[in-house]
């Protein structure tokens, strides 16, 4: 179960690696791909809140092993709550709580928001707003995903030494929404994030992005803030 949590975190960090690669000489971009991603980013950035039901899958192309699970993400600005069943992650814009239910413990760390537009683990909203200057884009064509006709785009990190070779995204053209993201690494591991349902502008309260130790009195709180 702990592996399940680490796989999901690794996927989000994988996307972070793509978005934060240092820029070299800016290559030409596929105009069609850039326009599609820009439209998605503008639409997603206009939303105050959102709820995403997803399926996460990790595949090892060498061994053939796979791990998959369903989960839900609530988002409000930089705040988020990821529920993966066996574990949950809360982030209120400064403090992150990682609750591993099997161990009956929650780890608490502090992660200040970056204040810029790069993707980092403090804002999974950016998983749905992939348009920025840190990618090379290539429009591939159309493909049906979950009954929706999607536009398929490959994104490549500009840093040639990245351990990740490619990120492929499927965009629902009728809704200007990311339908699926797949990250491929050089070591043969593939990470796929597929959206089952998307609900914009839902009603949320700020306490939904904080772990409540008063309710979960049997959970040990391990406060790692200030620990180096």
Protein backbone atom coordinates (compact mmCIF):
# COMPACT_ATOMS: atom_id res chain seq x y z
CA UNK A 1 0.00 0.00 0.00
CA UNK A 2 2.91 2.32 0.70
CA UNK A 3 4.12 1.64 -2.85
CA UNK A 4 0.77 2.86 -4.14
CA UNK A 5 1.31 6.23 -2.51
CA UNK A 6 4.88 6.49 -3.77
CA UNK A 7 3.81 5.70 -7.36
CA UNK A 8 1.30 8.54 -7.39
CA UNK A 9 3.74 11.01 -5.86
CA UNK A 10 6.40 9.88 -8.33
CA UNK A 11 4.04 10.56 -11.24
CA UNK A 12 3.31 14.10 -10.09
CA UNK A 13 7.00 14.71 -9.52
CA UNK A 14 7.70 13.24 -12.95
CA UNK A 15 5.55 15.94 -14.51
CA UNK A 16 7.38 18.45 -12.34
CA UNK A 17 10.70 17.31 -13.79
CA UNK A 18 9.42 17.94 -17.31
CA UNK A 19 8.13 21.41 -16.52
CA UNK A 20 11.15 22.58 -14.59
CA UNK A 21 13.93 21.58 -16.97
CA UNK A 22 16.29 24.51 -17.71
CA UNK A 23 15.77 26.04 -21.12
CA UNK A 24 18.42 25.94 -23.82
CA UNK A 25 17.97 27.38 -27.30
CA UNK A 26 14.25 27.63 -27.92
CA UNK A 27 13.21 25.19 -30.67
CA UNK A 28 10.37 25.64 -33.10
CA UNK A 29 7.01 24.45 -31.74
CA UNK A 30 4.15 22.77 -33.55
CA UNK A 31 1.64 25.68 -33.85
CA UNK A 32 -1.40 23.38 -33.78
CA UNK A 33 -0.23 21.60 -30.63
CA UNK A 34 0.65 24.91 -28.96
CA UNK A 35 -2.80 26.37 -29.72
CA UNK A 36 -4.57 23.32 -28.27
CA UNK A 37 -2.54 23.36 -25.05
CA UNK A 38 -2.93 27.13 -24.70
CA UNK A 39 -6.73 26.85 -24.95
CA UNK A 40 -6.75 24.12 -22.28
CA UNK A 41 -4.54 26.14 -19.95
CA UNK A 42 -6.63 29.29 -20.29
CA UNK A 43 -9.85 27.40 -19.55
CA UNK A 44 -8.44 25.55 -16.54
CA UNK A 45 -6.80 28.66 -15.06
CA UNK A 46 -10.18 30.43 -15.14
CA UNK A 47 -11.73 27.86 -12.78
CA UNK A 48 -11.93 28.69 -9.07
CA UNK A 49 -12.22 25.05 -7.96
CA UNK A 50 -12.41 21.59 -9.51
CA UNK A 51 -12.89 17.93 -8.68
CA UNK A 52 -11.18 15.20 -10.68
CA UNK A 53 -11.81 11.47 -10.43
CA UNK A 54 -8.86 9.62 -11.94
CA UNK A 55 -7.21 6.28 -12.60
CA UNK A 56 -3.46 6.03 -12.09
CA UNK A 57 -1.40 3.25 -13.66
CA UNK A 58 2.29 2.40 -13.40
CA UNK A 59 3.77 -0.04 -15.91
CA UNK A 60 7.21 -1.62 -16.14
CA UNK A 61 7.79 -2.48 -19.78
CA UNK A 62 10.73 -4.75 -18.89
CA UNK A 63 9.08 -6.93 -16.25
CA UNK A 64 5.50 -6.51 -17.40
CA UNK A 65 4.43 -5.56 -13.86
CA UNK A 66 1.58 -3.09 -13.45
CA UNK A 67 0.00 -1.25 -10.53
CA UNK A 68 -3.21 0.77 -10.83
CA UNK A 69 -5.76 2.44 -8.57
CA UNK A 70 -8.53 5.03 -8.59
CA UNK A 71 -8.50 8.33 -6.76
CA UNK A 72 -9.97 11.82 -6.44
CA UNK A 73 -8.40 15.28 -6.41
CA UNK A 74 -10.06 18.42 -5.06
CA UNK A 75 -8.39 21.71 -6.00
CA UNK A 76 -8.78 25.36 -5.07
CA UNK A 77 -5.96 27.55 -6.32
CA UNK A 78 -2.73 26.01 -5.00
CA UNK A 79 -4.67 24.04 -2.36
CA UNK A 80 -5.49 20.41 -2.98
CA UNK A 81 -6.63 17.14 -1.44
CA UNK A 82 -5.72 13.82 -3.10
CA UNK A 83 -7.67 10.76 -1.92
CA UNK A 84 -6.17 7.45 -3.04
CA UNK A 85 -8.16 5.24 -0.69
CA UNK A 86 -5.24 3.74 1.24
CA UNK A 87 -3.69 7.17 1.67
CA UNK A 88 -4.54 10.84 1.39
CA UNK A 89 -2.54 14.02 0.81
CA UNK A 90 -3.70 17.44 2.02
CA UNK A 91 -2.10 20.76 1.07
CA UNK A 92 -3.41 24.13 2.28
CA UNK A 93 -0.97 26.33 0.39
CA UNK A 94 1.85 26.04 2.93
CA UNK A 95 1.57 22.78 4.90
CA UNK A 96 1.31 19.26 3.47
CA UNK A 97 -0.08 16.28 5.37
CA UNK A 98 0.58 12.79 3.97
CA UNK A 99 -1.69 10.28 5.68
CA UNK A 100 -0.77 6.60 5.27
CA UNK A 101 -3.78 4.81 6.71
CA UNK A 102 -2.21 1.37 7.04
CA UNK A 103 0.52 2.81 9.29
CA UNK A 104 -1.91 5.05 11.20
CA UNK A 105 0.43 7.99 10.81
CA UNK A 106 0.50 11.34 9.04
CA UNK A 107 3.71 13.13 8.03
CA UNK A 108 3.62 16.92 8.13
CA UNK A 109 5.99 19.09 6.09
CA UNK A 110 6.04 22.70 4.95
CA UNK A 111 6.15 23.56 1.24
CA UNK A 112 5.74 27.26 0.42
CA UNK A 113 4.19 27.93 -3.00
CA UNK A 114 6.66 29.02 -5.65
CA UNK A 115 4.62 31.99 -6.82
CA UNK A 116 5.43 31.37 -10.48
CA UNK A 117 3.83 29.44 -13.31
CA UNK A 118 6.11 26.40 -13.32
CA UNK A 119 4.73 23.05 -12.33
CA UNK A 120 5.72 21.76 -8.95
CA UNK A 121 4.24 19.34 -6.44
CA UNK A 122 2.51 22.18 -4.59
CA UNK A 123 0.00 22.66 -7.41
CA UNK A 124 -1.32 19.60 -9.27
CA UNK A 125 -3.73 21.95 -11.05
CA UNK A 126 -0.85 22.46 -13.46
CA UNK A 127 -1.20 18.87 -14.57
CA UNK A 128 -4.20 20.22 -16.49
CA UNK A 129 -2.48 23.39 -17.72
CA UNK A 130 0.57 22.07 -19.52
CA UNK A 131 1.15 25.03 -21.82
CA UNK A 132 4.37 26.92 -21.08
CA UNK A 133 7.79 27.54 -22.61
CA UNK A 134 9.49 24.45 -21.22
CA UNK A 135 8.36 21.92 -23.83
CA UNK A 136 8.72 20.99 -27.44
CA UNK A 137 5.30 20.07 -28.84
CA UNK A 138 4.22 17.75 -31.63
CA UNK A 139 0.62 17.17 -32.73
CA UNK A 140 0.08 13.45 -33.46
CA UNK A 141 -3.58 13.13 -34.46
CA UNK A 142 -6.94 12.05 -33.09
CA UNK A 143 -7.71 9.08 -30.86
CA UNK A 144 -10.79 8.01 -28.92
CA UNK A 145 -10.31 7.77 -25.14
CA UNK A 146 -13.20 6.79 -22.89
CA UNK A 147 -15.73 7.53 -25.62
CA UNK A 148 -14.31 11.01 -26.31
CA UNK A 149 -12.53 12.03 -29.49
CA UNK A 150 -9.21 13.43 -28.30
CA UNK A 151 -6.35 15.33 -29.89
CA UNK A 152 -3.07 13.58 -29.14
CA UNK A 153 0.06 15.64 -28.47
CA UNK A 154 3.60 14.64 -27.57
CA UNK A 155 5.67 16.89 -25.32
CA UNK A 156 9.44 16.53 -25.02
CA UNK A 157 11.70 18.00 -22.32
CA UNK A 158 14.15 20.52 -23.72
CA UNK A 159 16.87 19.13 -21.46
CA UNK A 160 18.37 16.31 -23.56
CA UNK A 161 19.79 14.57 -20.49
CA UNK A 162 16.41 14.17 -18.80
CA UNK A 163 15.67 10.64 -17.59
CA UNK A 164 12.18 11.06 -19.05
CA UNK A 165 11.88 10.86 -22.80
CA UNK A 166 8.36 11.96 -23.56
CA UNK A 167 4.99 12.99 -22.14
CA UNK A 168 1.91 12.26 -24.23
CA UNK A 169 -1.37 14.07 -23.55
CA UNK A 170 -4.85 13.45 -24.89
CA UNK A 171 -7.11 16.54 -25.02
CA UNK A 172 -10.88 16.32 -25.32
CA UNK A 173 -11.40 18.76 -28.19
CA UNK A 174 -15.07 19.39 -27.39
CA UNK A 175 -14.34 20.46 -23.80
CA UNK A 176 -10.76 21.78 -24.00
CA UNK A 177 -9.82 19.43 -21.16
CA UNK A 178 -6.96 17.03 -20.55
CA UNK A 179 -8.36 13.50 -20.76
CA UNK A 180 -5.19 11.49 -20.16
CA UNK A 181 -1.46 11.99 -19.57
CA UNK A 182 1.27 9.37 -20.03
CA UNK A 183 4.90 9.87 -19.02
CA UNK A 184 7.59 7.59 -20.46
CA UNK A 185 11.02 7.19 -18.87
CA UNK A 186 14.30 5.90 -20.20
CA UNK A 187 14.30 2.99 -17.74
CA UNK A 188 11.12 1.54 -19.24
CA UNK A 189 8.64 2.71 -16.59
CA UNK A 190 5.46 4.37 -17.83
CA UNK A 191 3.05 6.39 -15.70
CA UNK A 192 -0.51 7.05 -16.88
CA UNK A 193 -3.05 9.44 -15.35
CA UNK A 194 -6.54 9.08 -16.90
CA UNK A 195 -9.43 11.35 -15.93
CA UNK A 196 -12.69 9.49 -15.27
CA UNK A 197 -14.77 12.59 -14.52
CA UNK A 198 -14.18 16.32 -14.17
CA UNK A 199 -16.41 18.72 -12.21
CA UNK A 200 -15.60 22.45 -12.38
CA UNK A 201 -16.37 25.13 -9.78
CA UNK A 202 -17.55 22.83 -7.00
CA UNK A 203 -18.26 24.11 -3.49
CA UNK A 204 -15.35 23.44 -1.14
CA UNK A 205 -14.25 24.75 2.26
CA UNK A 206 -10.67 25.46 3.33
CA UNK A 207 -10.76 22.79 6.02
CA UNK A 208 -11.03 20.16 3.27
CA UNK A 209 -7.34 20.85 2.50
CA UNK A 210 -6.09 20.24 6.05
CA UNK A 211 -5.73 17.01 8.01
CA UNK A 212 -7.94 17.11 11.12
CA UNK A 213 -6.12 15.37 13.98
CA UNK A 214 -9.05 16.01 16.31
CA UNK A 215 -11.21 13.69 14.22
CA UNK A 216 -8.47 11.10 13.65
CA UNK A 217 -7.18 10.77 17.21
CA UNK A 218 -5.75 7.29 16.54
CA UNK A 219 -3.36 8.65 13.88
CA UNK A 220 0.18 9.51 14.97
CA UNK A 221 1.27 12.96 13.77
CA UNK A 222 4.93 13.08 12.68
CA UNK A 223 5.77 16.78 12.35
CA UNK A 224 8.79 17.19 10.08
CA UNK A 225 8.52 20.95 9.70
CA UNK A 226 11.89 22.53 10.35
CA UNK A 227 13.69 19.21 10.10
CA UNK A 228 16.62 19.26 7.66
